[in-house]
Amino acid sequence: MAATVEEAVFNALRGHHNEKTKLPTPRIIKIYVASLKEDFKEERRQLLEVIGPDLQSVYDDRQIEVEFVDIHFGTGSNEHGLVDLDPYVLDDHLHEIETCHRVSKSVFLIVLLGSRLGNFLLPTRLDAEVFTAISKRATAGECDRLRKWYHQEEKEPSGGFVLQTQYRSLDRPEWIAESRQLSEILECKIDEILEAFQDDGGGGLDGLT
């Protein structure tokens, strides 16, 4: 039996294991702190620099690791967050929340809500019927801008329109100005569509195009 245990230990240390290998699960309390970048700066700093270490000292003797995750930490003082500049980063945020939910042995999420809703984020994908409804309410110039940044999915011609990522090669001020114009078009047209949808009694988008 001793030899078998030693062999299992050595295999684990070498990274050789399979689905039958019983490995110890980490004992961790991993908490994602969700808020707008410009909100609760001092509270979030206190969580990371004061409360986190204090909690860790309490749980050290129980061999439990305490970790707070703040995606905004260390991203500079610019008012535009990473998600504002690159909407696909939101997927990383959601993945981190799912990770906290999966591994944390206790609380996994703290949401700090202020009085602001934040900026309108560019959707990374628009359903075909939504894109059509927006386009039919837009001017020729607005349609050109929409089609510049949203291309229909190649694998599914009848599918949605996906935000292109060539903005990553633009200078930050150029993309901020471009994305602001694009956001204004989408936000305005979506509001118009929702109002018409309500006036129509929720009859579907077909009647709005």
C-alpha atoms as a PDB file:
ATOM      1  CA  MET A   1       0.000   0.000   0.000  1.00  0.00           C
ATOM      2  CA  ALA A   2       2.888   2.370   0.860  1.00  0.00           C
ATOM      3  CA  ALA A   3       4.411   1.922  -2.588  1.00  0.00           C
ATOM      4  CA  THR A   4       1.088   2.703  -4.246  1.00  0.00           C
ATOM      5  CA  VAL A   5       0.704   5.913  -2.240  1.00  0.00           C
ATOM      6  CA  GLU A   6       4.264   6.995  -3.051  1.00  0.00           C
ATOM      7  CA  GLU A   7       3.692   6.278  -6.737  1.00  0.00           C
ATOM      8  CA  ALA A   8       0.500   8.325  -6.751  1.00  0.00           C
ATOM      9  CA  VAL A   9       2.279  11.222  -5.062  1.00  0.00           C
ATOM     10  CA  PHE A  10       5.152  11.155  -7.545  1.00  0.00           C
ATOM     11  CA  ASN A  11       2.744  10.971 -10.493  1.00  0.00           C
ATOM     12  CA  ALA A  12       0.797  13.938  -9.159  1.00  0.00           C
ATOM     13  CA  LEU A  13       4.007  15.944  -8.717  1.00  0.00           C
ATOM     14  CA  ARG A  14       4.960  15.153 -12.299  1.00  0.00           C
ATOM     15  CA  GLY A  15       1.508  16.233 -13.510  1.00  0.00           C
ATOM     16  CA  HIS A  16       0.547  12.693 -14.533  1.00  0.00           C
ATOM     17  CA  HIS A  17      -3.017  12.026 -13.449  1.00  0.00           C
ATOM     18  CA  ASN A  18      -6.368  11.008 -14.884  1.00  0.00           C
ATOM     19  CA  GLU A  19     -10.043  11.335 -14.011  1.00  0.00           C
ATOM     20  CA  LYS A  20      -9.650   8.652 -11.294  1.00  0.00           C
ATOM     21  CA  THR A  21      -6.865  10.502  -9.520  1.00  0.00           C
ATOM     22  CA  LYS A  22      -8.083  12.047  -6.281  1.00  0.00           C
ATOM     23  CA  LEU A  23      -6.427  15.433  -5.874  1.00  0.00           C
ATOM     24  CA  PRO A  24      -7.115  17.767  -2.946  1.00  0.00           C
ATOM     25  CA  THR A  25      -9.505  20.582  -3.826  1.00  0.00           C
ATOM     26  CA  PRO A  26      -8.241  24.101  -3.116  1.00  0.00           C
ATOM     27  CA  ARG A  27      -9.625  25.796  -0.033  1.00  0.00           C
ATOM     28  CA  ILE A  28     -10.233  29.303  -1.262  1.00  0.00           C
ATOM     29  CA  ILE A  29     -12.727  32.121  -0.846  1.00  0.00           C
ATOM     30  CA  LYS A  30     -12.497  34.005  -4.124  1.00  0.00           C
ATOM     31  CA  ILE A  31     -14.744  37.070  -4.390  1.00  0.00           C
ATOM     32  CA  TYR A  32     -15.356  39.098  -7.530  1.00  0.00           C
ATOM     33  CA  VAL A  33     -15.983  42.787  -6.815  1.00  0.00           C
ATOM     34  CA  ALA A  34     -18.305  44.209  -9.485  1.00  0.00           C
ATOM     35  CA  SER A  35     -18.778  47.950 -10.002  1.00  0.00           C
ATOM     36  CA  LEU A  36     -18.285  50.725 -12.515  1.00  0.00           C
ATOM     37  CA  LYS A  37     -14.681  51.824 -12.800  1.00  0.00           C
ATOM     38  CA  GLU A  38     -15.339  55.347 -11.523  1.00  0.00           C
ATOM     39  CA  ASP A  39     -17.584  54.256  -8.629  1.00  0.00           C
ATOM     40  CA  PHE A  40     -16.596  53.193  -5.088  1.00  0.00           C
ATOM     41  CA  LYS A  41     -12.864  53.691  -5.703  1.00  0.00           C
ATOM     42  CA  GLU A  42     -12.028  54.066  -2.030  1.00  0.00           C
ATOM     43  CA  GLU A  43     -14.292  51.183  -0.969  1.00  0.00           C
ATOM     44  CA  ARG A  44     -12.710  48.885  -3.537  1.00  0.00           C
ATOM     45  CA  ARG A  45      -9.226  49.933  -2.430  1.00  0.00           C
ATOM     46  CA  GLN A  46     -10.159  49.169   1.179  1.00  0.00           C
ATOM     47  CA  LEU A  47     -11.378  45.692   0.171  1.00  0.00           C
ATOM     48  CA  LEU A  48      -8.131  44.885  -1.627  1.00  0.00           C
ATOM     49  CA  GLU A  49      -5.608  46.537   0.684  1.00  0.00           C
ATOM     50  CA  VAL A  50      -7.189  46.345   4.166  1.00  0.00           C
ATOM     51  CA  ILE A  51     -10.141  43.971   4.461  1.00  0.00           C
ATOM     52  CA  GLY A  52      -8.594  41.280   2.271  1.00  0.00           C
ATOM     53  CA  PRO A  53      -5.359  40.992   4.298  1.00  0.00           C
ATOM     54  CA  ASP A  54      -7.318  41.188   7.567  1.00  0.00           C
ATOM     55  CA  LEU A  55      -9.576  38.304   6.514  1.00  0.00           C
ATOM     56  CA  GLN A  56      -6.560  36.324   5.345  1.00  0.00           C
ATOM     57  CA  SER A  57      -4.958  36.633   8.771  1.00  0.00           C
ATOM     58  CA  VAL A  58      -8.179  35.256  10.313  1.00  0.00           C
ATOM     59  CA  TYR A  59      -8.302  32.246   7.979  1.00  0.00           C
ATOM     60  CA  ASP A  60      -4.559  31.485   7.838  1.00  0.00           C
ATOM     61  CA  ASP A  61      -4.776  28.944  10.654  1.00  0.00           C
ATOM     62  CA  ARG A  62      -7.555  27.164   8.739  1.00  0.00           C
ATOM     63  CA  GLN A  63      -5.412  27.062   5.598  1.00  0.00           C
ATOM     64  CA  ILE A  64      -8.032  28.958   3.604  1.00  0.00           C
ATOM     65  CA  GLU A  65      -6.923  31.486   0.997  1.00  0.00           C
ATOM     66  CA  VAL A  66      -8.940  34.707   0.674  1.00  0.00           C
ATOM     67  CA  GLU A  67      -8.807  36.607  -2.613  1.00  0.00           C
ATOM     68  CA  PHE A  68     -10.684  39.662  -3.890  1.00  0.00           C
ATOM     69  CA  VAL A  69     -10.821  40.160  -7.660  1.00  0.00           C
ATOM     70  CA  ASP A  70     -11.206  43.702  -9.009  1.00  0.00           C
ATOM     71  CA  ILE A  71     -10.862  43.818 -12.796  1.00  0.00           C
ATOM     72  CA  HIS A  72     -10.432  47.605 -12.710  1.00  0.00           C
ATOM     73  CA  PHE A  73      -7.459  47.485 -10.335  1.00  0.00           C
ATOM     74  CA  GLY A  74      -4.265  48.758 -11.955  1.00  0.00           C
ATOM     75  CA  THR A  75      -5.924  49.847 -15.213  1.00  0.00           C
ATOM     76  CA  GLY A  76      -5.073  53.540 -14.811  1.00  0.00           C
ATOM     77  CA  SER A  77      -7.152  56.609 -14.069  1.00  0.00           C
ATOM     78  CA  ASN A  78      -8.703  57.023 -17.522  1.00  0.00           C
ATOM     79  CA  GLU A  79     -12.489  57.385 -17.330  1.00  0.00           C
ATOM     80  CA  HIS A  80     -12.887  54.811 -20.102  1.00  0.00           C
ATOM     81  CA  GLY A  81     -12.721  51.272 -18.738  1.00  0.00           C
ATOM     82  CA  LEU A  82     -11.367  48.318 -20.680  1.00  0.00           C
ATOM     83  CA  VAL A  83     -14.897  47.186 -21.522  1.00  0.00           C
ATOM     84  CA  ASP A  84     -15.707  50.627 -22.945  1.00  0.00           C
ATOM     85  CA  LEU A  85     -12.725  50.371 -25.278  1.00  0.00           C
ATOM     86  CA  ASP A  86     -13.056  46.673 -26.080  1.00  0.00           C
ATOM     87  CA  PRO A  87     -16.552  45.179 -25.540  1.00  0.00           C
ATOM     88  CA  TYR A  88     -15.203  41.644 -25.889  1.00  0.00           C
ATOM     89  CA  VAL A  89     -13.393  42.119 -22.559  1.00  0.00           C
ATOM     90  CA  LEU A  90     -16.822  41.677 -20.941  1.00  0.00           C
ATOM     91  CA  ASP A  91     -16.482  37.966 -21.730  1.00  0.00           C
ATOM     92  CA  ASP A  92     -13.345  37.920 -19.551  1.00  0.00           C
ATOM     93  CA  HIS A  93     -15.299  39.547 -16.712  1.00  0.00           C
ATOM     94  CA  LEU A  94     -18.069  36.948 -16.981  1.00  0.00           C
ATOM     95  CA  HIS A  95     -15.510  34.129 -17.115  1.00  0.00           C
ATOM     96  CA  GLU A  96     -13.860  35.447 -13.941  1.00  0.00           C
ATOM     97  CA  ILE A  97     -17.237  35.577 -12.160  1.00  0.00           C
ATOM     98  CA  GLU A  98     -17.918  31.968 -13.215  1.00  0.00           C
ATOM     99  CA  THR A  99     -14.474  30.970 -11.904  1.00  0.00           C
ATOM    100  CA  CYS A 100     -15.170  32.621  -8.545  1.00  0.00           C
ATOM    101  CA  HIS A 101     -18.527  30.845  -8.369  1.00  0.00           C
ATOM    102  CA  ARG A 102     -16.924  27.494  -9.159  1.00  0.00           C
ATOM    103  CA  VAL A 103     -13.952  27.563  -6.787  1.00  0.00           C
ATOM    104  CA  SER A 104     -15.068  29.731  -3.874  1.00  0.00           C
ATOM    105  CA  LYS A 105     -16.058  27.903  -0.713  1.00  0.00           C
ATOM    106  CA  SER A 106     -18.240  30.785   0.421  1.00  0.00           C
ATOM    107  CA  VAL A 107     -19.237  34.182  -0.983  1.00  0.00           C
ATOM    108  CA  PHE A 108     -18.149  34.637  -4.601  1.00  0.00           C
ATOM    109  CA  LEU A 109     -19.609  38.004  -5.656  1.00  0.00           C
ATOM    110  CA  ILE A 110     -19.958  41.516  -4.220  1.00  0.00           C
ATOM    111  CA  VAL A 111     -21.850  44.058  -6.327  1.00  0.00           C
ATOM    112  CA  LEU A 112     -21.355  47.756  -5.535  1.00  0.00           C
ATOM    113  CA  LEU A 113     -24.192  49.769  -7.073  1.00  0.00           C
ATOM    114  CA  GLY A 114     -24.185  53.532  -7.351  1.00  0.00           C
ATOM    115  CA  SER A 115     -26.638  55.946  -8.929  1.00  0.00           C
ATOM    116  CA  ARG A 116     -25.185  55.694 -12.458  1.00  0.00           C
ATOM    117  CA  LEU A 117     -25.875  53.081 -15.118  1.00  0.00           C
ATOM    118  CA  GLY A 118     -22.539  53.525 -16.854  1.00  0.00           C
ATOM    119  CA  ASN A 119     -21.842  53.942 -20.545  1.00  0.00           C
ATOM    120  CA  PHE A 120     -23.812  52.211 -23.281  1.00  0.00           C
ATOM    121  CA  LEU A 121     -21.642  49.224 -24.265  1.00  0.00           C
ATOM    122  CA  LEU A 122     -21.413  48.237 -27.890  1.00  0.00           C
ATOM    123  CA  PRO A 123     -23.036  44.818 -28.342  1.00  0.00           C
ATOM    124  CA  THR A 124     -20.607  42.250 -29.715  1.00  0.00           C
ATOM    125  CA  ARG A 125     -23.453  40.634 -31.663  1.00  0.00           C
ATOM    126  CA  LEU A 126     -26.803  41.790 -33.063  1.00  0.00           C
ATOM    127  CA  ASP A 127     -29.554  39.426 -34.179  1.00  0.00           C
ATOM    128  CA  ALA A 128     -30.370  39.759 -37.858  1.00  0.00           C
ATOM    129  CA  GLU A 129     -33.898  41.083 -37.257  1.00  0.00           C
ATOM    130  CA  VAL A 130     -32.613  43.641 -34.762  1.00  0.00           C
ATOM    131  CA  PHE A 131     -29.912  44.807 -37.169  1.00  0.00           C
ATOM    132  CA  THR A 132     -32.510  45.122 -39.952  1.00  0.00           C
ATOM    133  CA  ALA A 133     -34.886  47.108 -37.734  1.00  0.00           C
ATOM    134  CA  ILE A 134     -32.062  49.469 -36.735  1.00  0.00           C
ATOM    135  CA  SER A 135     -30.865  49.891 -40.317  1.00  0.00           C
ATOM    136  CA  LYS A 136     -34.332  50.797 -41.605  1.00  0.00           C
ATOM    137  CA  ARG A 137     -34.547  53.592 -39.044  1.00  0.00           C
ATOM    138  CA  ALA A 138     -31.033  54.891 -39.743  1.00  0.00           C
ATOM    139  CA  THR A 139     -29.800  57.410 -42.310  1.00  0.00           C
ATOM    140  CA  ALA A 140     -27.541  56.371 -45.193  1.00  0.00           C
ATOM    141  CA  GLY A 141     -24.480  57.594 -43.304  1.00  0.00           C
ATOM    142  CA  GLU A 142     -25.498  55.760 -40.148  1.00  0.00           C
ATOM    143  CA  CYS A 143     -26.059  52.557 -42.123  1.00  0.00           C
ATOM    144  CA  ASP A 144     -22.569  52.872 -43.616  1.00  0.00           C
ATOM    145  CA  ARG A 145     -21.088  53.164 -40.149  1.00  0.00           C
ATOM    146  CA  LEU A 146     -23.092  50.175 -38.900  1.00  0.00           C
ATOM    147  CA  ARG A 147     -22.013  47.994 -41.818  1.00  0.00           C
ATOM    148  CA  LYS A 148     -18.430  49.120 -41.389  1.00  0.00           C
ATOM    149  CA  TRP A 149     -18.270  47.670 -37.897  1.00  0.00           C
ATOM    150  CA  TYR A 150     -20.896  44.898 -37.952  1.00  0.00           C
ATOM    151  CA  HIS A 151     -20.507  42.062 -40.447  1.00  0.00           C
ATOM    152  CA  GLN A 152     -22.881  39.155 -40.881  1.00  0.00           C
ATOM    153  CA  GLU A 153     -21.620  35.823 -39.600  1.00  0.00           C
ATOM    154  CA  GLU A 154     -20.030  33.927 -42.497  1.00  0.00           C
ATOM    155  CA  LYS A 155     -20.934  30.453 -41.258  1.00  0.00           C
ATOM    156  CA  GLU A 156     -24.600  31.389 -40.840  1.00  0.00           C
ATOM    157  CA  PRO A 157     -25.796  33.758 -43.601  1.00  0.00           C
ATOM    158  CA  SER A 158     -29.170  34.062 -41.895  1.00  0.00           C
ATOM    159  CA  GLY A 159     -27.532  34.614 -38.524  1.00  0.00           C
ATOM    160  CA  GLY A 160     -26.573  37.738 -36.650  1.00  0.00           C
ATOM    161  CA  PHE A 161     -24.101  40.541 -37.207  1.00  0.00           C
ATOM    162  CA  VAL A 162     -20.834  40.486 -35.269  1.00  0.00           C
ATOM    163  CA  LEU A 163     -18.762  43.457 -34.120  1.00  0.00           C
ATOM    164  CA  GLN A 164     -15.445  43.483 -35.971  1.00  0.00           C
ATOM    165  CA  THR A 165     -12.235  43.843 -33.980  1.00  0.00           C
ATOM    166  CA  GLN A 166     -10.110  46.002 -36.293  1.00  0.00           C
ATOM    167  CA  TYR A 167     -10.655  48.819 -33.800  1.00  0.00           C
ATOM    168  CA  ARG A 168      -7.803  47.276 -31.812  1.00  0.00           C
ATOM    169  CA  SER A 169      -5.372  48.658 -34.394  1.00  0.00           C
ATOM    170  CA  LEU A 170      -6.706  52.230 -34.055  1.00  0.00           C
ATOM    171  CA  ASP A 171      -5.307  54.902 -31.778  1.00  0.00           C
ATOM    172  CA  ARG A 172      -7.300  55.220 -28.569  1.00  0.00           C
ATOM    173  CA  PRO A 173      -8.681  58.750 -29.262  1.00  0.00           C
ATOM    174  CA  GLU A 174      -9.735  57.690 -32.769  1.00  0.00           C
ATOM    175  CA  TRP A 175     -11.604  54.616 -31.523  1.00  0.00           C
ATOM    176  CA  ILE A 176     -13.185  56.520 -28.623  1.00  0.00           C
ATOM    177  CA  ALA A 177     -14.628  59.049 -31.085  1.00  0.00           C
ATOM    178  CA  GLU A 178     -15.746  56.323 -33.517  1.00  0.00           C
ATOM    179  CA  SER A 179     -17.268  54.101 -30.835  1.00  0.00           C
ATOM    180  CA  ARG A 180     -19.105  57.067 -29.328  1.00  0.00           C
ATOM    181  CA  GLN A 181     -20.793  57.795 -32.665  1.00  0.00           C
ATOM    182  CA  LEU A 182     -21.620  54.126 -33.128  1.00  0.00           C
ATOM    183  CA  SER A 183     -23.030  53.902 -29.595  1.00  0.00           C
ATOM    184  CA  GLU A 184     -25.222  56.965 -30.150  1.00  0.00           C
ATOM    185  CA  ILE A 185     -26.683  55.417 -33.310  1.00  0.00           C
ATOM    186  CA  LEU A 186     -27.433  52.084 -31.641  1.00  0.00           C
ATOM    187  CA  GLU A 187     -28.760  53.536 -28.392  1.00  0.00           C
ATOM    188  CA  CYS A 188     -31.024  56.019 -30.197  1.00  0.00           C
ATOM    189  CA  LYS A 189     -32.426  53.483 -32.678  1.00  0.00           C
ATOM    190  CA  ILE A 190     -32.901  50.802 -30.040  1.00  0.00           C
ATOM    191  CA  ASP A 191     -34.849  53.282 -27.882  1.00  0.00           C
ATOM    192  CA  GLU A 192     -37.040  54.127 -30.893  1.00  0.00           C
ATOM    193  CA  ILE A 193     -37.646  50.447 -31.585  1.00  0.00           C
ATOM    194  CA  LEU A 194     -38.568  49.733 -27.952  1.00  0.00           C
ATOM    195  CA  GLU A 195     -41.010  52.636 -27.874  1.00  0.00           C
ATOM    196  CA  ALA A 196     -42.627  51.480 -31.120  1.00  0.00           C
ATOM    197  CA  PHE A 197     -42.687  47.929 -29.796  1.00  0.00           C
ATOM    198  CA  GLN A 198     -44.588  49.041 -26.711  1.00  0.00           C
ATOM    199  CA  ASP A 199     -47.010  51.150 -28.741  1.00  0.00           C
ATOM    200  CA  ASP A 200     -47.599  48.131 -30.981  1.00  0.00           C
ATOM    201  CA  GLY A 201     -48.528  46.030 -27.977  1.00  0.00           C
ATOM    202  CA  GLY A 202     -45.488  43.770 -28.251  1.00  0.00           C
ATOM    203  CA  GLY A 203     -46.350  42.462 -31.692  1.00  0.00           C
ATOM    204  CA  GLY A 204     -42.780  41.590 -32.635  1.00  0.00           C
ATOM    205  CA  LEU A 205     -40.039  43.281 -34.643  1.00  0.00           C
ATOM    206  CA  ASP A 206     -41.484  42.356 -38.035  1.00  0.00           C
ATOM    207  CA  GLY A 207     -44.068  45.092 -37.779  1.00  0.00           C
ATOM    208  CA  LEU A 208     -41.440  47.687 -36.863  1.00  0.00           C
ATOM    209  CA  THR A 209     -39.300  47.318 -39.947  1.00  0.00           C
END
